[in-house]
Amino acid sequence: MRLSLSLALAVLLAGPALAQQPRPATCSRDLFQNEAGFRQQQTRLAAVASADPATQCRAYREHVVYLQKSRAVFATCQGGAERERNVAEMDSELVNYRALIANRCGGR
């Protein structure tokens, strides 16, 4: 009991310090590139909408890679409600695209 109480106290005291960690100097650039990448991904996905299944599946897998990188940028470079909102959106999209790949691409 004493150990768990000490651990909980340590986490509470470290919380503000962890939340205020400095962001990498590249965050402005990374967020800008993230936005540009989003537009590129939307264009790529629209372009394969009527393509053959193999082409669509390749685009879906590439989109999952983009979403993972995008999520990491949001998690690293944003804070507060904006971070939570964007990370949650990326997580949701990852779930959706992984399900799409599993259903349409045989999980490959």
N, C-alpha and C. Protein backbone atom coordinates (compact mmCIF):
# COMPACT_ATOMS: atom_id res chain seq x y z
N MET A 1 0.83 -1.19 0.00
CA MET A 1 0.00 0.00 0.00
C MET A 1 0.86 1.24 0.00
N ARG A 2 1.90 1.24 0.85
CA ARG A 2 2.78 2.40 0.95
C ARG A 2 3.51 2.64 -0.37
N LEU A 3 3.93 1.57 -1.05
CA LEU A 3 4.64 1.68 -2.32
C LEU A 3 3.73 2.28 -3.39
N SER A 4 2.49 1.81 -3.47
CA SER A 4 1.57 2.34 -4.48
C SER A 4 1.21 3.79 -4.21
N LEU A 5 1.12 4.15 -2.94
CA LEU A 5 0.85 5.54 -2.58
C LEU A 5 2.03 6.42 -2.95
N SER A 6 3.24 5.94 -2.70
CA SER A 6 4.44 6.69 -3.06
C SER A 6 4.54 6.84 -4.58
N LEU A 7 4.23 5.79 -5.30
CA LEU A 7 4.27 5.82 -6.75
C LEU A 7 3.24 6.81 -7.30
N ALA A 8 2.05 6.79 -6.75
CA ALA A 8 1.00 7.71 -7.19
C ALA A 8 1.41 9.15 -6.92
N LEU A 9 2.01 9.41 -5.78
CA LEU A 9 2.47 10.76 -5.44
C LEU A 9 3.57 11.20 -6.41
N ALA A 10 4.48 10.31 -6.72
CA ALA A 10 5.57 10.64 -7.65
C ALA A 10 5.02 10.97 -9.04
N VAL A 11 4.04 10.22 -9.50
CA VAL A 11 3.44 10.48 -10.80
C VAL A 11 2.72 11.82 -10.80
N LEU A 12 2.00 12.13 -9.74
CA LEU A 12 1.31 13.41 -9.64
C LEU A 12 2.28 14.58 -9.64
N LEU A 13 3.37 14.44 -8.94
CA LEU A 13 4.36 15.51 -8.88
C LEU A 13 5.11 15.66 -10.19
N ALA A 14 5.33 14.57 -10.89
CA ALA A 14 6.05 14.63 -12.17
C ALA A 14 5.15 15.05 -13.31
N GLY A 15 3.85 14.90 -13.17
CA GLY A 15 2.91 15.20 -14.25
C GLY A 15 3.10 16.57 -14.88
N PRO A 16 3.09 17.65 -14.09
CA PRO A 16 3.29 18.97 -14.69
C PRO A 16 4.63 19.11 -15.39
N ALA A 17 5.68 18.53 -14.83
CA ALA A 17 6.99 18.62 -15.47
C ALA A 17 7.00 17.87 -16.79
N LEU A 18 6.36 16.72 -16.82
CA LEU A 18 6.30 15.96 -18.07
C LEU A 18 5.46 16.69 -19.11
N ALA A 19 4.39 17.31 -18.69
CA ALA A 19 3.51 18.00 -19.62
C ALA A 19 4.16 19.24 -20.21
N GLN A 20 5.14 19.82 -19.51
CA GLN A 20 5.77 21.04 -19.96
C GLN A 20 7.13 20.80 -20.60
N GLN A 21 7.41 19.60 -21.01
CA GLN A 21 8.69 19.31 -21.63
C GLN A 21 8.81 20.12 -22.91
N PRO A 22 10.02 20.60 -23.20
CA PRO A 22 10.19 21.40 -24.41
C PRO A 22 9.94 20.57 -25.66
N ARG A 23 9.37 21.21 -26.63
CA ARG A 23 9.09 20.55 -27.90
C ARG A 23 10.31 20.69 -28.81
N PRO A 24 10.52 19.75 -29.71
CA PRO A 24 11.66 19.85 -30.61
C PRO A 24 11.61 21.15 -31.43
N ALA A 25 12.75 21.66 -31.78
CA ALA A 25 12.84 22.89 -32.57
C ALA A 25 12.22 22.73 -33.95
N THR A 26 12.07 21.49 -34.39
CA THR A 26 11.55 21.22 -35.74
C THR A 26 10.03 21.17 -35.80
N CYS A 27 9.36 21.43 -34.68
CA CYS A 27 7.90 21.25 -34.65
C CYS A 27 7.15 22.14 -35.65
N SER A 28 7.54 23.38 -35.81
CA SER A 28 6.86 24.24 -36.78
C SER A 28 6.92 23.62 -38.17
N ARG A 29 8.12 23.22 -38.54
CA ARG A 29 8.31 22.59 -39.85
C ARG A 29 7.52 21.28 -39.93
N ASP A 30 7.61 20.46 -38.88
CA ASP A 30 6.95 19.16 -38.89
C ASP A 30 5.43 19.31 -39.01
N LEU A 31 4.85 20.26 -38.30
CA LEU A 31 3.41 20.49 -38.40
C LEU A 31 3.02 21.00 -39.79
N PHE A 32 3.84 21.87 -40.36
CA PHE A 32 3.59 22.37 -41.71
C PHE A 32 3.64 21.22 -42.72
N GLN A 33 4.68 20.38 -42.62
CA GLN A 33 4.81 19.23 -43.52
C GLN A 33 3.68 18.23 -43.30
N ASN A 34 3.23 18.12 -42.08
CA ASN A 34 2.11 17.23 -41.77
C ASN A 34 0.85 17.68 -42.52
N GLU A 35 0.61 18.98 -42.51
CA GLU A 35 -0.55 19.54 -43.22
C GLU A 35 -0.42 19.31 -44.73
N ALA A 36 0.75 19.55 -45.26
CA ALA A 36 0.97 19.33 -46.70
C ALA A 36 0.80 17.84 -47.03
N GLY A 37 1.30 16.98 -46.16
CA GLY A 37 1.15 15.55 -46.36
C GLY A 37 -0.30 15.11 -46.35
N PHE A 38 -1.10 15.75 -45.50
CA PHE A 38 -2.53 15.43 -45.45
C PHE A 38 -3.19 15.72 -46.79
N ARG A 39 -2.88 16.87 -47.36
CA ARG A 39 -3.46 17.21 -48.68
C ARG A 39 -3.01 16.23 -49.75
N GLN A 40 -1.74 15.84 -49.72
CA GLN A 40 -1.24 14.86 -50.68
C GLN A 40 -1.94 13.52 -50.51
N GLN A 41 -2.13 13.10 -49.29
CA GLN A 41 -2.80 11.83 -49.03
C GLN A 41 -4.24 11.85 -49.52
N GLN A 42 -4.93 12.95 -49.30
CA GLN A 42 -6.32 13.06 -49.77
C GLN A 42 -6.37 12.95 -51.30
N THR A 43 -5.42 13.58 -51.96
CA THR A 43 -5.36 13.51 -53.43
C THR A 43 -5.07 12.09 -53.88
N ARG A 44 -4.13 11.42 -53.23
CA ARG A 44 -3.79 10.03 -53.59
C ARG A 44 -4.97 9.09 -53.38
N LEU A 45 -5.65 9.26 -52.25
CA LEU A 45 -6.79 8.38 -51.98
C LEU A 45 -7.92 8.61 -52.98
N ALA A 46 -8.16 9.86 -53.33
CA ALA A 46 -9.19 10.16 -54.33
C ALA A 46 -8.82 9.58 -55.68
N ALA A 47 -7.53 9.61 -56.02
CA ALA A 47 -7.08 9.12 -57.32
C ALA A 47 -7.24 7.60 -57.47
N VAL A 48 -7.23 6.87 -56.37
CA VAL A 48 -7.35 5.42 -56.46
C VAL A 48 -8.76 4.92 -56.17
N ALA A 49 -9.70 5.83 -56.03
CA ALA A 49 -11.07 5.44 -55.68
C ALA A 49 -11.67 4.44 -56.66
N SER A 50 -11.33 4.55 -57.93
CA SER A 50 -11.88 3.62 -58.93
C SER A 50 -10.78 2.73 -59.51
N ALA A 51 -9.66 2.63 -58.84
CA ALA A 51 -8.55 1.80 -59.31
C ALA A 51 -8.80 0.34 -58.94
N ASP A 52 -7.93 -0.52 -59.45
CA ASP A 52 -8.03 -1.95 -59.13
C ASP A 52 -7.72 -2.16 -57.65
N PRO A 53 -8.18 -3.27 -57.09
CA PRO A 53 -8.00 -3.52 -55.65
C PRO A 53 -6.54 -3.49 -55.19
N ALA A 54 -5.62 -4.01 -55.98
CA ALA A 54 -4.21 -4.03 -55.56
C ALA A 54 -3.68 -2.60 -55.41
N THR A 55 -4.06 -1.72 -56.32
CA THR A 55 -3.62 -0.32 -56.25
C THR A 55 -4.26 0.36 -55.05
N GLN A 56 -5.53 0.09 -54.81
CA GLN A 56 -6.20 0.67 -53.65
C GLN A 56 -5.54 0.19 -52.36
N CYS A 57 -5.27 -1.09 -52.27
CA CYS A 57 -4.68 -1.65 -51.05
C CYS A 57 -3.31 -1.04 -50.78
N ARG A 58 -2.52 -0.86 -51.84
CA ARG A 58 -1.21 -0.22 -51.67
C ARG A 58 -1.38 1.20 -51.13
N ALA A 59 -2.34 1.94 -51.68
CA ALA A 59 -2.60 3.31 -51.22
C ALA A 59 -3.08 3.32 -49.77
N TYR A 60 -3.92 2.36 -49.41
CA TYR A 60 -4.41 2.29 -48.02
C TYR A 60 -3.25 2.02 -47.06
N ARG A 61 -2.35 1.10 -47.43
CA ARG A 61 -1.21 0.80 -46.57
C ARG A 61 -0.29 2.01 -46.44
N GLU A 62 -0.07 2.72 -47.54
CA GLU A 62 0.74 3.94 -47.49
C GLU A 62 0.08 4.99 -46.60
N HIS A 63 -1.25 5.04 -46.65
CA HIS A 63 -1.97 6.00 -45.82
C HIS A 63 -1.82 5.67 -44.34
N VAL A 64 -1.81 4.40 -44.00
CA VAL A 64 -1.60 3.99 -42.60
C VAL A 64 -0.23 4.46 -42.12
N VAL A 65 0.78 4.33 -42.96
CA VAL A 65 2.12 4.80 -42.60
C VAL A 65 2.10 6.31 -42.37
N TYR A 66 1.42 7.04 -43.26
CA TYR A 66 1.30 8.49 -43.09
C TYR A 66 0.59 8.82 -41.77
N LEU A 67 -0.51 8.13 -41.48
CA LEU A 67 -1.26 8.39 -40.25
C LEU A 67 -0.41 8.15 -39.01
N GLN A 68 0.41 7.11 -39.03
CA GLN A 68 1.28 6.82 -37.89
C GLN A 68 2.28 7.96 -37.69
N LYS A 69 2.88 8.43 -38.78
CA LYS A 69 3.84 9.53 -38.68
C LYS A 69 3.13 10.81 -38.24
N SER A 70 1.96 11.06 -38.78
CA SER A 70 1.19 12.25 -38.44
C SER A 70 0.82 12.24 -36.97
N ARG A 71 0.41 11.09 -36.47
CA ARG A 71 0.06 10.96 -35.06
C ARG A 71 1.25 11.31 -34.18
N ALA A 72 2.43 10.81 -34.56
CA ALA A 72 3.64 11.09 -33.78
C ALA A 72 3.96 12.58 -33.76
N VAL A 73 3.75 13.26 -34.88
CA VAL A 73 4.00 14.71 -34.93
C VAL A 73 3.04 15.43 -34.00
N PHE A 74 1.76 15.09 -34.07
CA PHE A 74 0.78 15.74 -33.18
C PHE A 74 1.11 15.46 -31.71
N ALA A 75 1.46 14.22 -31.41
CA ALA A 75 1.75 13.86 -30.02
C ALA A 75 2.97 14.59 -29.49
N THR A 76 3.94 14.83 -30.35
CA THR A 76 5.18 15.48 -29.94
C THR A 76 5.09 17.00 -29.94
N CYS A 77 4.39 17.55 -30.93
CA CYS A 77 4.47 18.99 -31.19
C CYS A 77 3.27 19.80 -30.72
N GLN A 78 2.24 19.16 -30.27
CA GLN A 78 1.07 19.90 -29.81
C GLN A 78 0.83 19.62 -28.34
N GLY A 79 0.00 20.43 -27.74
CA GLY A 79 -0.34 20.24 -26.34
C GLY A 79 -1.82 20.48 -26.11
N GLY A 80 -2.25 20.14 -24.93
CA GLY A 80 -3.61 20.43 -24.51
C GLY A 80 -4.69 19.74 -25.33
N ALA A 81 -5.80 20.45 -25.47
CA ALA A 81 -6.97 19.90 -26.15
C ALA A 81 -6.71 19.65 -27.63
N GLU A 82 -5.92 20.53 -28.24
CA GLU A 82 -5.61 20.35 -29.67
C GLU A 82 -4.85 19.04 -29.90
N ARG A 83 -3.89 18.77 -29.03
CA ARG A 83 -3.13 17.52 -29.13
C ARG A 83 -4.06 16.33 -28.95
N GLU A 84 -4.86 16.37 -27.91
CA GLU A 84 -5.76 15.26 -27.62
C GLU A 84 -6.72 15.00 -28.78
N ARG A 85 -7.27 16.06 -29.34
CA ARG A 85 -8.20 15.95 -30.45
C ARG A 85 -7.52 15.33 -31.68
N ASN A 86 -6.35 15.85 -32.03
CA ASN A 86 -5.66 15.36 -33.23
C ASN A 86 -5.13 13.95 -33.08
N VAL A 87 -4.60 13.62 -31.91
CA VAL A 87 -4.11 12.26 -31.67
C VAL A 87 -5.29 11.28 -31.70
N ALA A 88 -6.41 11.66 -31.10
CA ALA A 88 -7.59 10.80 -31.12
C ALA A 88 -8.11 10.59 -32.55
N GLU A 89 -8.07 11.66 -33.34
CA GLU A 89 -8.52 11.54 -34.74
C GLU A 89 -7.60 10.60 -35.52
N MET A 90 -6.30 10.71 -35.30
CA MET A 90 -5.35 9.81 -35.99
C MET A 90 -5.57 8.37 -35.53
N ASP A 91 -5.78 8.17 -34.24
CA ASP A 91 -6.04 6.82 -33.73
C ASP A 91 -7.29 6.23 -34.37
N SER A 92 -8.33 7.03 -34.48
CA SER A 92 -9.58 6.58 -35.09
C SER A 92 -9.38 6.22 -36.56
N GLU A 93 -8.67 7.08 -37.27
CA GLU A 93 -8.40 6.81 -38.68
C GLU A 93 -7.55 5.56 -38.86
N LEU A 94 -6.59 5.36 -37.97
CA LEU A 94 -5.78 4.15 -38.04
C LEU A 94 -6.63 2.90 -37.87
N VAL A 95 -7.54 2.94 -36.92
CA VAL A 95 -8.44 1.80 -36.72
C VAL A 95 -9.27 1.56 -37.98
N ASN A 96 -9.82 2.63 -38.54
CA ASN A 96 -10.66 2.51 -39.73
C ASN A 96 -9.90 1.96 -40.94
N TYR A 97 -8.71 2.48 -41.19
CA TYR A 97 -7.94 2.02 -42.35
C TYR A 97 -7.39 0.61 -42.16
N ARG A 98 -7.04 0.27 -40.93
CA ARG A 98 -6.58 -1.11 -40.70
C ARG A 98 -7.74 -2.09 -40.91
N ALA A 99 -8.94 -1.71 -40.50
CA ALA A 99 -10.11 -2.57 -40.74
C ALA A 99 -10.40 -2.67 -42.23
N LEU A 100 -10.29 -1.55 -42.93
CA LEU A 100 -10.49 -1.54 -44.38
C LEU A 100 -9.50 -2.48 -45.07
N ILE A 101 -8.24 -2.39 -44.66
CA ILE A 101 -7.21 -3.27 -45.24
C ILE A 101 -7.53 -4.74 -44.92
N ALA A 102 -7.92 -5.00 -43.69
CA ALA A 102 -8.23 -6.38 -43.31
C ALA A 102 -9.41 -6.92 -44.13
N ASN A 103 -10.41 -6.09 -44.37
CA ASN A 103 -11.61 -6.54 -45.08
C ASN A 103 -11.43 -6.62 -46.59
N ARG A 104 -10.74 -5.64 -47.16
CA ARG A 104 -10.63 -5.59 -48.62
C ARG A 104 -9.32 -6.13 -49.17
N CYS A 105 -8.32 -6.19 -48.35
CA CYS A 105 -7.00 -6.56 -48.85
C CYS A 105 -6.50 -7.86 -48.24
N GLY A 106 -7.35 -8.56 -47.60
CA GLY A 106 -6.96 -9.83 -46.98
C GLY A 106 -5.97 -9.65 -45.85
N GLY A 107 -5.96 -8.45 -45.24
CA GLY A 107 -5.06 -8.20 -44.12
C GLY A 107 -3.63 -7.95 -44.53
N ARG A 108 -3.34 -8.01 -45.82
CA ARG A 108 -1.96 -7.83 -46.30
C ARG A 108 -1.55 -6.41 -46.27
